[in-house]
Full PDB file with SEQRES, HELIX, SHEET, SSBOND, CRYST1, ORIGX, SCALE, CONECT and MASTER records, all heavy atoms in Angstrom:
SEQRES   1 A   34  LEU GLY TYR ALA THR ASP GLU ARG TRP PRO SER TYR PHE          
SEQRES   2 A   34  ALA TYR ARG ALA ALA PRO LEU GLY PRO VAL GLY PRO ARG          
SEQRES   3 A   34  LEU VAL ASN ALA LEU PHE TYR SER                              
HELIX    1 AA1 TRP A    9  ALA A   17  1                                   9    
HELIX    2 AA2 ALA A   18  LEU A   20  5                                   3    
HELIX    3 AA3 PRO A   25  PHE A   32  1                                   8    
CRYST1    1.000    1.000    1.000  90.00  90.00  90.00 P 1           1          
ORIGX1      1.000000  0.000000  0.000000        0.00000                         
ORIGX2      0.000000  1.000000  0.000000        0.00000                         
ORIGX3      0.000000  0.000000  1.000000        0.00000                         
SCALE1      1.000000  0.000000  0.000000        0.00000                         
SCALE2      0.000000  1.000000  0.000000        0.00000                         
SCALE3      0.000000  0.000000  1.000000        0.00000                         
ATOM      1  N   LEU A   1       0.819  -1.213   0.000  1.00  0.00           N  
ATOM      2  CA  LEU A   1       0.003  -0.002   0.000  1.00  0.00           C  
ATOM      3  C   LEU A   1       0.855   1.265   0.001  1.00  0.00           C  
ATOM      4  O   LEU A   1       0.337   2.352  -0.267  1.00  0.00           O  
ATOM      5  CB  LEU A   1      -0.916   0.014   1.220  1.00  0.00           C  
ATOM      6  CG  LEU A   1      -2.064  -1.003   1.251  1.00  0.00           C  
ATOM      7  CD1 LEU A   1      -2.807  -0.905   2.578  1.00  0.00           C  
ATOM      8  CD2 LEU A   1      -3.023  -0.803   0.095  1.00  0.00           C  
ATOM      9  N   GLY A   2       2.108   1.115   0.350  1.00  0.00           N  
ATOM     10  CA  GLY A   2       2.995   2.275   0.378  1.00  0.00           C  
ATOM     11  C   GLY A   2       3.449   2.707   1.751  1.00  0.00           C  
ATOM     12  O   GLY A   2       4.116   3.738   1.886  1.00  0.00           O  
ATOM     13  N   TYR A   3       3.116   1.942   2.803  1.00  0.00           N  
ATOM     14  CA  TYR A   3       3.528   2.304   4.154  1.00  0.00           C  
ATOM     15  C   TYR A   3       4.967   1.867   4.415  1.00  0.00           C  
ATOM     16  O   TYR A   3       5.403   0.803   3.948  1.00  0.00           O  
ATOM     17  CB  TYR A   3       2.607   1.666   5.196  1.00  0.00           C  
ATOM     18  CG  TYR A   3       1.215   2.244   5.168  1.00  0.00           C  
ATOM     19  CD1 TYR A   3       0.182   1.573   4.521  1.00  0.00           C  
ATOM     20  CD2 TYR A   3       0.935   3.468   5.768  1.00  0.00           C  
ATOM     21  CE1 TYR A   3      -1.104   2.109   4.476  1.00  0.00           C  
ATOM     22  CE2 TYR A   3      -0.341   4.012   5.721  1.00  0.00           C  
ATOM     23  CZ  TYR A   3      -1.351   3.330   5.076  1.00  0.00           C  
ATOM     24  OH  TYR A   3      -2.608   3.867   5.011  1.00  0.00           O  
ATOM     25  N   ALA A   4       5.680   2.659   5.190  1.00  0.00           N  
ATOM     26  CA  ALA A   4       7.023   2.277   5.619  1.00  0.00           C  
ATOM     27  C   ALA A   4       6.924   1.084   6.560  1.00  0.00           C  
ATOM     28  O   ALA A   4       6.021   1.013   7.398  1.00  0.00           O  
ATOM     29  CB  ALA A   4       7.699   3.444   6.322  1.00  0.00           C  
ATOM     30  N   THR A   5       7.842   0.147   6.435  1.00  0.00           N  
ATOM     31  CA  THR A   5       7.811  -1.051   7.275  1.00  0.00           C  
ATOM     32  C   THR A   5       9.145  -1.293   7.975  1.00  0.00           C  
ATOM     33  O   THR A   5       9.399  -2.394   8.465  1.00  0.00           O  
ATOM     34  CB  THR A   5       7.432  -2.285   6.438  1.00  0.00           C  
ATOM     35  OG1 THR A   5       8.347  -2.409   5.339  1.00  0.00           O  
ATOM     36  CG2 THR A   5       6.014  -2.189   5.912  1.00  0.00           C  
ATOM     37  N   ASP A   6      10.000  -0.257   8.036  1.00  0.00           N  
ATOM     38  CA  ASP A   6      11.247  -0.409   8.777  1.00  0.00           C  
ATOM     39  C   ASP A   6      10.993  -0.414  10.279  1.00  0.00           C  
ATOM     40  O   ASP A   6      11.862  -0.807  11.063  1.00  0.00           O  
ATOM     41  CB  ASP A   6      12.242   0.690   8.410  1.00  0.00           C  
ATOM     42  CG  ASP A   6      11.647   2.091   8.565  1.00  0.00           C  
ATOM     43  OD1 ASP A   6      10.412   2.235   8.418  1.00  0.00           O  
ATOM     44  OD2 ASP A   6      12.417   3.025   8.828  1.00  0.00           O  
ATOM     45  N   GLU A   7       9.819   0.033  10.688  1.00  0.00           N  
ATOM     46  CA  GLU A   7       9.331  -0.109  12.062  1.00  0.00           C  
ATOM     47  C   GLU A   7       7.856  -0.499  11.969  1.00  0.00           C  
ATOM     48  O   GLU A   7       7.225  -0.351  10.928  1.00  0.00           O  
ATOM     49  CB  GLU A   7       9.507   1.179  12.851  1.00  0.00           C  
ATOM     50  CG  GLU A   7       8.772   2.377  12.272  1.00  0.00           C  
ATOM     51  CD  GLU A   7       8.787   3.587  13.203  1.00  0.00           C  
ATOM     52  OE1 GLU A   7       8.955   3.412  14.420  1.00  0.00           O  
ATOM     53  OE2 GLU A   7       8.608   4.702  12.708  1.00  0.00           O  
ATOM     54  N   ARG A   8       7.296  -0.990  13.049  1.00  0.00           N  
ATOM     55  CA  ARG A   8       5.925  -1.504  12.968  1.00  0.00           C  
ATOM     56  C   ARG A   8       4.853  -0.431  13.081  1.00  0.00           C  
ATOM     57  O   ARG A   8       3.695  -0.668  12.746  1.00  0.00           O  
ATOM     58  CB  ARG A   8       5.691  -2.581  14.026  1.00  0.00           C  
ATOM     59  CG  ARG A   8       5.487  -2.098  15.454  1.00  0.00           C  
ATOM     60  CD  ARG A   8       5.312  -3.296  16.367  1.00  0.00           C  
ATOM     61  NE  ARG A   8       5.027  -2.927  17.749  1.00  0.00           N  
ATOM     62  CZ  ARG A   8       3.811  -2.849  18.278  1.00  0.00           C  
ATOM     63  NH1 ARG A   8       2.751  -3.104  17.538  1.00  0.00           N  
ATOM     64  NH2 ARG A   8       3.633  -2.530  19.547  1.00  0.00           N  
ATOM     65  N   TRP A   9       5.204   0.769  13.533  1.00  0.00           N  
ATOM     66  CA  TRP A   9       4.190   1.743  13.875  1.00  0.00           C  
ATOM     67  C   TRP A   9       3.364   2.273  12.705  1.00  0.00           C  
ATOM     68  O   TRP A   9       2.144   2.434  12.851  1.00  0.00           O  
ATOM     69  CB  TRP A   9       4.807   2.888  14.670  1.00  0.00           C  
ATOM     70  CG  TRP A   9       5.328   2.450  16.002  1.00  0.00           C  
ATOM     71  CD1 TRP A   9       6.637   2.451  16.424  1.00  0.00           C  
ATOM     72  CD2 TRP A   9       4.575   1.892  17.091  1.00  0.00           C  
ATOM     73  NE1 TRP A   9       6.733   1.955  17.702  1.00  0.00           N  
ATOM     74  CE2 TRP A   9       5.481   1.604  18.143  1.00  0.00           C  
ATOM     75  CE3 TRP A   9       3.217   1.631  17.290  1.00  0.00           C  
ATOM     76  CZ2 TRP A   9       5.075   1.062  19.357  1.00  0.00           C  
ATOM     77  CZ3 TRP A   9       2.810   1.075  18.487  1.00  0.00           C  
ATOM     78  CH2 TRP A   9       3.737   0.801  19.515  1.00  0.00           C  
ATOM     79  N   PRO A  10       3.936   2.591  11.538  1.00  0.00           N  
ATOM     80  CA  PRO A  10       3.077   3.116  10.461  1.00  0.00           C  
ATOM     81  C   PRO A  10       1.937   2.174  10.093  1.00  0.00           C  
ATOM     82  O   PRO A  10       0.782   2.604   9.929  1.00  0.00           O  
ATOM     83  CB  PRO A  10       4.055   3.323   9.307  1.00  0.00           C  
ATOM     84  CG  PRO A  10       5.363   3.595   9.980  1.00  0.00           C  
ATOM     85  CD  PRO A  10       5.370   2.684  11.174  1.00  0.00           C  
ATOM     86  N   SER A  11       2.238   0.877   9.976  1.00  0.00           N  
ATOM     87  CA  SER A  11       1.178  -0.073   9.638  1.00  0.00           C  
ATOM     88  C   SER A  11       0.248  -0.305  10.827  1.00  0.00           C  
ATOM     89  O   SER A  11      -0.962  -0.493  10.656  1.00  0.00           O  
ATOM     90  CB  SER A  11       1.763  -1.396   9.153  1.00  0.00           C  
ATOM     91  OG  SER A  11       2.592  -1.993  10.139  1.00  0.00           O  
ATOM     92  N   TYR A  12       0.792  -0.273  12.047  1.00  0.00           N  
ATOM     93  CA  TYR A  12      -0.045  -0.437  13.236  1.00  0.00           C  
ATOM     94  C   TYR A  12      -1.136   0.629  13.284  1.00  0.00           C  
ATOM     95  O   TYR A  12      -2.324   0.326  13.470  1.00  0.00           O  
ATOM     96  CB  TYR A  12       0.829  -0.358  14.491  1.00  0.00           C  
ATOM     97  CG  TYR A  12       0.056  -0.227  15.789  1.00  0.00           C  
ATOM     98  CD1 TYR A  12      -0.398  -1.363  16.462  1.00  0.00           C  
ATOM     99  CD2 TYR A  12      -0.217   1.017  16.345  1.00  0.00           C  
ATOM    100  CE1 TYR A  12      -1.111  -1.250  17.653  1.00  0.00           C  
ATOM    101  CE2 TYR A  12      -0.926   1.142  17.536  1.00  0.00           C  
ATOM    102  CZ  TYR A  12      -1.367  -0.001  18.187  1.00  0.00           C  
ATOM    103  OH  TYR A  12      -2.078   0.120  19.357  1.00  0.00           O  
ATOM    104  N   PHE A  13      -0.740   1.884  13.113  1.00  0.00           N  
ATOM    105  CA  PHE A  13      -1.725   2.955  13.178  1.00  0.00           C  
ATOM    106  C   PHE A  13      -2.742   2.843  12.042  1.00  0.00           C  
ATOM    107  O   PHE A  13      -3.938   3.032  12.248  1.00  0.00           O  
ATOM    108  CB  PHE A  13      -1.029   4.320  13.138  1.00  0.00           C  
ATOM    109  CG  PHE A  13      -0.455   4.728  14.461  1.00  0.00           C  
ATOM    110  CD1 PHE A  13       0.897   4.602  14.713  1.00  0.00           C  
ATOM    111  CD2 PHE A  13      -1.267   5.231  15.461  1.00  0.00           C  
ATOM    112  CE1 PHE A  13       1.436   4.977  15.935  1.00  0.00           C  
ATOM    113  CE2 PHE A  13      -0.745   5.605  16.694  1.00  0.00           C  
ATOM    114  CZ  PHE A  13       0.614   5.478  16.926  1.00  0.00           C  
ATOM    115  N   ALA A  14      -2.276   2.543  10.854  1.00  0.00           N  
ATOM    116  CA  ALA A  14      -3.201   2.437   9.722  1.00  0.00           C  
ATOM    117  C   ALA A  14      -4.178   1.283   9.920  1.00  0.00           C  
ATOM    118  O   ALA A  14      -5.397   1.453   9.760  1.00  0.00           O  
ATOM    119  CB  ALA A  14      -2.406   2.251   8.431  1.00  0.00           C  
ATOM    120  N   TYR A  15      -3.670   0.107  10.254  1.00  0.00           N  
ATOM    121  CA  TYR A  15      -4.537  -1.058  10.420  1.00  0.00           C  
ATOM    122  C   TYR A  15      -5.540  -0.865  11.559  1.00  0.00           C  
ATOM    123  O   TYR A  15      -6.726  -1.191  11.433  1.00  0.00           O  
ATOM    124  CB  TYR A  15      -3.698  -2.304  10.705  1.00  0.00           C  
ATOM    125  CG  TYR A  15      -3.016  -2.921   9.514  1.00  0.00           C  
ATOM    126  CD1 TYR A  15      -1.713  -3.426   9.624  1.00  0.00           C  
ATOM    127  CD2 TYR A  15      -3.656  -3.037   8.281  1.00  0.00           C  
ATOM    128  CE1 TYR A  15      -1.085  -4.026   8.540  1.00  0.00           C  
ATOM    129  CE2 TYR A  15      -3.026  -3.627   7.196  1.00  0.00           C  
ATOM    130  CZ  TYR A  15      -1.738  -4.121   7.328  1.00  0.00           C  
ATOM    131  OH  TYR A  15      -1.113  -4.714   6.258  1.00  0.00           O  
ATOM    132  N   ARG A  16      -5.068  -0.336  12.680  1.00  0.00           N  
ATOM    133  CA  ARG A  16      -5.951  -0.251  13.849  1.00  0.00           C  
ATOM    134  C   ARG A  16      -6.959   0.880  13.718  1.00  0.00           C  
ATOM    135  O   ARG A  16      -8.105   0.765  14.185  1.00  0.00           O  
ATOM    136  CB  ARG A  16      -5.120  -0.073  15.120  1.00  0.00           C  
ATOM    137  CG  ARG A  16      -5.949  -0.265  16.386  1.00  0.00           C  
ATOM    138  CD  ARG A  16      -5.119  -0.209  17.642  1.00  0.00           C  
ATOM    139  NE  ARG A  16      -5.974  -0.261  18.817  1.00  0.00           N  
ATOM    140  CZ  ARG A  16      -5.691   0.277  19.995  1.00  0.00           C  
ATOM    141  NH1 ARG A  16      -4.532   0.886  20.171  1.00  0.00           N  
ATOM    142  NH2 ARG A  16      -6.538   0.196  20.991  1.00  0.00           N  
ATOM    143  N   ALA A  17      -6.580   1.979  13.073  1.00  0.00           N  
ATOM    144  CA  ALA A  17      -7.481   3.127  12.964  1.00  0.00           C  
ATOM    145  C   ALA A  17      -8.413   3.042  11.768  1.00  0.00           C  
ATOM    146  O   ALA A  17      -9.417   3.759  11.725  1.00  0.00           O  
ATOM    147  CB  ALA A  17      -6.669   4.420  12.887  1.00  0.00           C  
ATOM    148  N   ALA A  18      -8.116   2.194  10.799  1.00  0.00           N  
ATOM    149  CA  ALA A  18      -8.894   2.167   9.554  1.00  0.00           C  
ATOM    150  C   ALA A  18     -10.401   1.999   9.761  1.00  0.00           C  
ATOM    151  O   ALA A  18     -11.187   2.611   9.032  1.00  0.00           O  
ATOM    152  CB  ALA A  18      -8.356   1.083   8.624  1.00  0.00           C  
ATOM    153  N   PRO A  19     -10.873   1.182  10.726  1.00  0.00           N  
ATOM    154  CA  PRO A  19     -12.324   1.068  10.892  1.00  0.00           C  
ATOM    155  C   PRO A  19     -13.005   2.383  11.253  1.00  0.00           C  
ATOM    156  O   PRO A  19     -14.215   2.525  11.064  1.00  0.00           O  
ATOM    157  CB  PRO A  19     -12.467   0.048  12.036  1.00  0.00           C  
ATOM    158  CG  PRO A  19     -11.213  -0.749  11.994  1.00  0.00           C  
ATOM    159  CD  PRO A  19     -10.150   0.229  11.589  1.00  0.00           C  
ATOM    160  N   LEU A  20     -12.257   3.357  11.748  1.00  0.00           N  
ATOM    161  CA  LEU A  20     -12.820   4.648  12.132  1.00  0.00           C  
ATOM    162  C   LEU A  20     -13.033   5.566  10.942  1.00  0.00           C  
ATOM    163  O   LEU A  20     -13.714   6.593  11.064  1.00  0.00           O  
ATOM    164  CB  LEU A  20     -11.893   5.352  13.136  1.00  0.00           C  
ATOM    165  CG  LEU A  20     -11.677   4.643  14.483  1.00  0.00           C  
ATOM    166  CD1 LEU A  20     -10.458   5.237  15.178  1.00  0.00           C  
ATOM    167  CD2 LEU A  20     -12.915   4.754  15.357  1.00  0.00           C  
ATOM    168  N   GLY A  21     -12.439   5.232   9.794  1.00  0.00           N  
ATOM    169  CA  GLY A  21     -12.473   6.126   8.655  1.00  0.00           C  
ATOM    170  C   GLY A  21     -11.249   7.021   8.651  1.00  0.00           C  
ATOM    171  O   GLY A  21     -10.315   6.821   9.431  1.00  0.00           O  
ATOM    172  N   PRO A  22     -11.234   8.058   7.807  1.00  0.00           N  
ATOM    173  CA  PRO A  22     -10.038   8.899   7.641  1.00  0.00           C  
ATOM    174  C   PRO A  22      -9.876   9.912   8.771  1.00  0.00           C  
ATOM    175  O   PRO A  22      -9.878  11.125   8.567  1.00  0.00           O  
ATOM    176  CB  PRO A  22     -10.285   9.582   6.300  1.00  0.00           C  
ATOM    177  CG  PRO A  22     -11.776   9.692   6.205  1.00  0.00           C  
ATOM    178  CD  PRO A  22     -12.307   8.432   6.851  1.00  0.00           C  
ATOM    179  N   VAL A  23      -9.688   9.409   9.989  1.00  0.00           N  
ATOM    180  CA  VAL A  23      -9.580  10.281  11.162  1.00  0.00           C  
ATOM    181  C   VAL A  23      -8.166  10.845  11.279  1.00  0.00           C  
ATOM    182  O   VAL A  23      -7.201  10.268  10.793  1.00  0.00           O  
ATOM    183  CB  VAL A  23      -9.957   9.517  12.443  1.00  0.00           C  
ATOM    184  CG1 VAL A  23     -11.422   9.106  12.412  1.00  0.00           C  
ATOM    185  CG2 VAL A  23      -9.071   8.284  12.627  1.00  0.00           C  
ATOM    186  N   GLY A  24      -8.062  11.983  11.953  1.00  0.00           N  
ATOM    187  CA  GLY A  24      -6.784  12.636  12.122  1.00  0.00           C  
ATOM    188  C   GLY A  24      -6.088  12.259  13.419  1.00  0.00           C  
ATOM    189  O   GLY A  24      -6.637  11.527  14.255  1.00  0.00           O  
ATOM    190  N   PRO A  25      -4.866  12.765  13.617  1.00  0.00           N  
ATOM    191  CA  PRO A  25      -4.055  12.397  14.781  1.00  0.00           C  
ATOM    192  C   PRO A  25      -4.714  12.695  16.114  1.00  0.00           C  
ATOM    193  O   PRO A  25      -4.539  11.939  17.076  1.00  0.00           O  
ATOM    194  CB  PRO A  25      -2.775  13.220  14.587  1.00  0.00           C  
ATOM    195  CG  PRO A  25      -2.700  13.465  13.121  1.00  0.00           C  
ATOM    196  CD  PRO A  25      -4.112  13.604  12.668  1.00  0.00           C  
ATOM    197  N   ARG A  26      -5.462  13.796  16.198  1.00  0.00           N  
ATOM    198  CA  ARG A  26      -6.030  14.164  17.498  1.00  0.00           C  
ATOM    199  C   ARG A  26      -7.009  13.119  18.006  1.00  0.00           C  
ATOM    200  O   ARG A  26      -6.987  12.733  19.181  1.00  0.00           O  
ATOM    201  CB  ARG A  26      -6.705  15.538  17.408  1.00  0.00           C  
ATOM    202  CG  ARG A  26      -7.137  16.069  18.761  1.00  0.00           C  
ATOM    203  CD  ARG A  26      -7.446  17.551  18.707  1.00  0.00           C  
ATOM    204  NE  ARG A  26      -7.735  18.094  20.017  1.00  0.00           N  
ATOM    205  CZ  ARG A  26      -7.900  19.376  20.269  1.00  0.00           C  
ATOM    206  NH1 ARG A  26      -7.802  20.258  19.283  1.00  0.00           N  
ATOM    207  NH2 ARG A  26      -8.169  19.794  21.502  1.00  0.00           N  
ATOM    208  N   LEU A  27      -7.871  12.616  17.138  1.00  0.00           N  
ATOM    209  CA  LEU A  27      -8.819  11.581  17.552  1.00  0.00           C  
ATOM    210  C   LEU A  27      -8.104  10.269  17.819  1.00  0.00           C  
ATOM    211  O   LEU A  27      -8.394   9.575  18.804  1.00  0.00           O  
ATOM    212  CB  LEU A  27      -9.899  11.391  16.491  1.00  0.00           C  
ATOM    213  CG  LEU A  27     -10.962  10.324  16.802  1.00  0.00           C  
ATOM    214  CD1 LEU A  27     -11.640  10.600  18.133  1.00  0.00           C  
ATOM    215  CD2 LEU A  27     -12.000  10.260  15.691  1.00  0.00           C  
ATOM    216  N   VAL A  28      -7.165   9.898  16.962  1.00  0.00           N  
ATOM    217  CA  VAL A  28      -6.406   8.661  17.184  1.00  0.00           C  
ATOM    218  C   VAL A  28      -5.673   8.736  18.512  1.00  0.00           C  
ATOM    219  O   VAL A  28      -5.659   7.775  19.290  1.00  0.00           O  
ATOM    220  CB  VAL A  28      -5.423   8.411  16.026  1.00  0.00           C  
ATOM    221  CG1 VAL A  28      -4.473   7.263  16.351  1.00  0.00           C  
ATOM    222  CG2 VAL A  28      -6.184   8.116  14.740  1.00  0.00           C  
ATOM    223  N   ASN A  29      -5.069   9.872  18.807  1.00  0.00           N  
ATOM    224  CA  ASN A  29      -4.348  10.041  20.058  1.00  0.00           C  
ATOM    225  C   ASN A  29      -5.289   9.866  21.252  1.00  0.00           C  
ATOM    226  O   ASN A  29      -4.938   9.223  22.243  1.00  0.00           O  
ATOM    227  CB  ASN A  29      -3.700  11.425  20.095  1.00  0.00           C  
ATOM    228  CG  ASN A  29      -2.799  11.604  21.287  1.00  0.00           C  
ATOM    229  OD1 ASN A  29      -1.804  10.906  21.430  1.00  0.00           O  
ATOM    230  ND2 ASN A  29      -3.128  12.536  22.150  1.00  0.00           N  
ATOM    231  N   ALA A  30      -6.483  10.411  21.144  1.00  0.00           N  
ATOM    232  CA  ALA A  30      -7.448  10.298  22.241  1.00  0.00           C  
ATOM    233  C   ALA A  30      -7.875   8.856  22.471  1.00  0.00           C  
ATOM    234  O   ALA A  30      -8.013   8.410  23.617  1.00  0.00           O  
ATOM    235  CB  ALA A  30      -8.673  11.162  21.938  1.00  0.00           C  
ATOM    236  N   LEU A  31      -8.078   8.118  21.397  1.00  0.00           N  
ATOM    237  CA  LEU A  31      -8.600   6.761  21.516  1.00  0.00           C  
ATOM    238  C   LEU A  31      -7.524   5.740  21.856  1.00  0.00           C  
ATOM    239  O   LEU A  31      -7.764   4.796  22.599  1.00  0.00           O  
ATOM    240  CB  LEU A  31      -9.306   6.365  20.219  1.00  0.00           C  
ATOM    241  CG  LEU A  31     -10.524   7.223  19.834  1.00  0.00           C  
ATOM    242  CD1 LEU A  31     -11.143   6.718  18.544  1.00  0.00           C  
ATOM    243  CD2 LEU A  31     -11.557   7.233  20.948  1.00  0.00           C  
ATOM    244  N   PHE A  32      -6.317   5.916  21.277  1.00  0.00           N  
ATOM    245  CA  PHE A  32      -5.236   4.959  21.551  1.00  0.00           C  
ATOM    246  C   PHE A  32      -4.606   5.224  22.915  1.00  0.00           C  
ATOM    247  O   PHE A  32      -4.004   4.349  23.502  1.00  0.00           O  
ATOM    248  CB  PHE A  32      -4.181   5.023  20.452  1.00  0.00           C  
ATOM    249  CG  PHE A  32      -4.631   4.427  19.131  1.00  0.00           C  
ATOM    250  CD1 PHE A  32      -5.961   4.208  18.827  1.00  0.00           C  
ATOM    251  CD2 PHE A  32      -3.686   4.083  18.174  1.00  0.00           C  
ATOM    252  CE1 PHE A  32      -6.358   3.672  17.621  1.00  0.00           C  
ATOM    253  CE2 PHE A  32      -4.070   3.535  16.961  1.00  0.00           C  
ATOM    254  CZ  PHE A  32      -5.405   3.336  16.681  1.00  0.00           C  
ATOM    255  N   TYR A  33      -4.698   6.430  23.401  1.00  0.00           N  
ATOM    256  CA  TYR A  33      -4.446   6.884  24.763  1.00  0.00           C  
ATOM    257  C   TYR A  33      -2.986   6.901  25.197  1.00  0.00           C  
ATOM    258  O   TYR A  33      -2.472   7.953  25.544  1.00  0.00           O  
ATOM    259  CB  TYR A  33      -5.258   6.053  25.769  1.00  0.00           C  
ATOM    260  CG  TYR A  33      -5.454   6.745  27.110  1.00  0.00           C  
ATOM    261  CD1 TYR A  33      -6.252   7.873  27.207  1.00  0.00           C  
ATOM    262  CD2 TYR A  33      -4.850   6.275  28.258  1.00  0.00           C  
ATOM    263  CE1 TYR A  33      -6.452   8.517  28.431  1.00  0.00           C  
ATOM    264  CE2 TYR A  33      -5.036   6.906  29.486  1.00  0.00           C  
ATOM    265  CZ  TYR A  33      -5.831   8.030  29.574  1.00  0.00           C  
ATOM    266  OH  TYR A  33      -6.029   8.667  30.770  1.00  0.00           O  
ATOM    267  N   SER A  34      -2.291   5.773  25.205  1.00  0.00           N  
ATOM    268  CA  SER A  34      -0.992   5.726  25.887  1.00  0.00           C  
ATOM    269  C   SER A  34       0.204   5.921  24.964  1.00  0.00           C  
ATOM    270  O   SER A  34       1.345   5.788  25.408  1.00  0.00           O  
ATOM    271  CB  SER A  34      -0.836   4.391  26.629  1.00  0.00           C  
ATOM    272  OG  SER A  34      -0.785   3.313  25.712  1.00  0.00           O  
TER     273      SER A  34                                                      
MASTER        0    0    0    3    0    0    0    6  272    1    0    3          
END                                                                             
């Protein structure tokens, strides 16, 4: 898809947040919390 995979985080955020739709960092930050 074009995501960087030298670390796990880019795909982690995309895969986990995708059900929410095209949400921005502020909402993701609130929901993922830690």
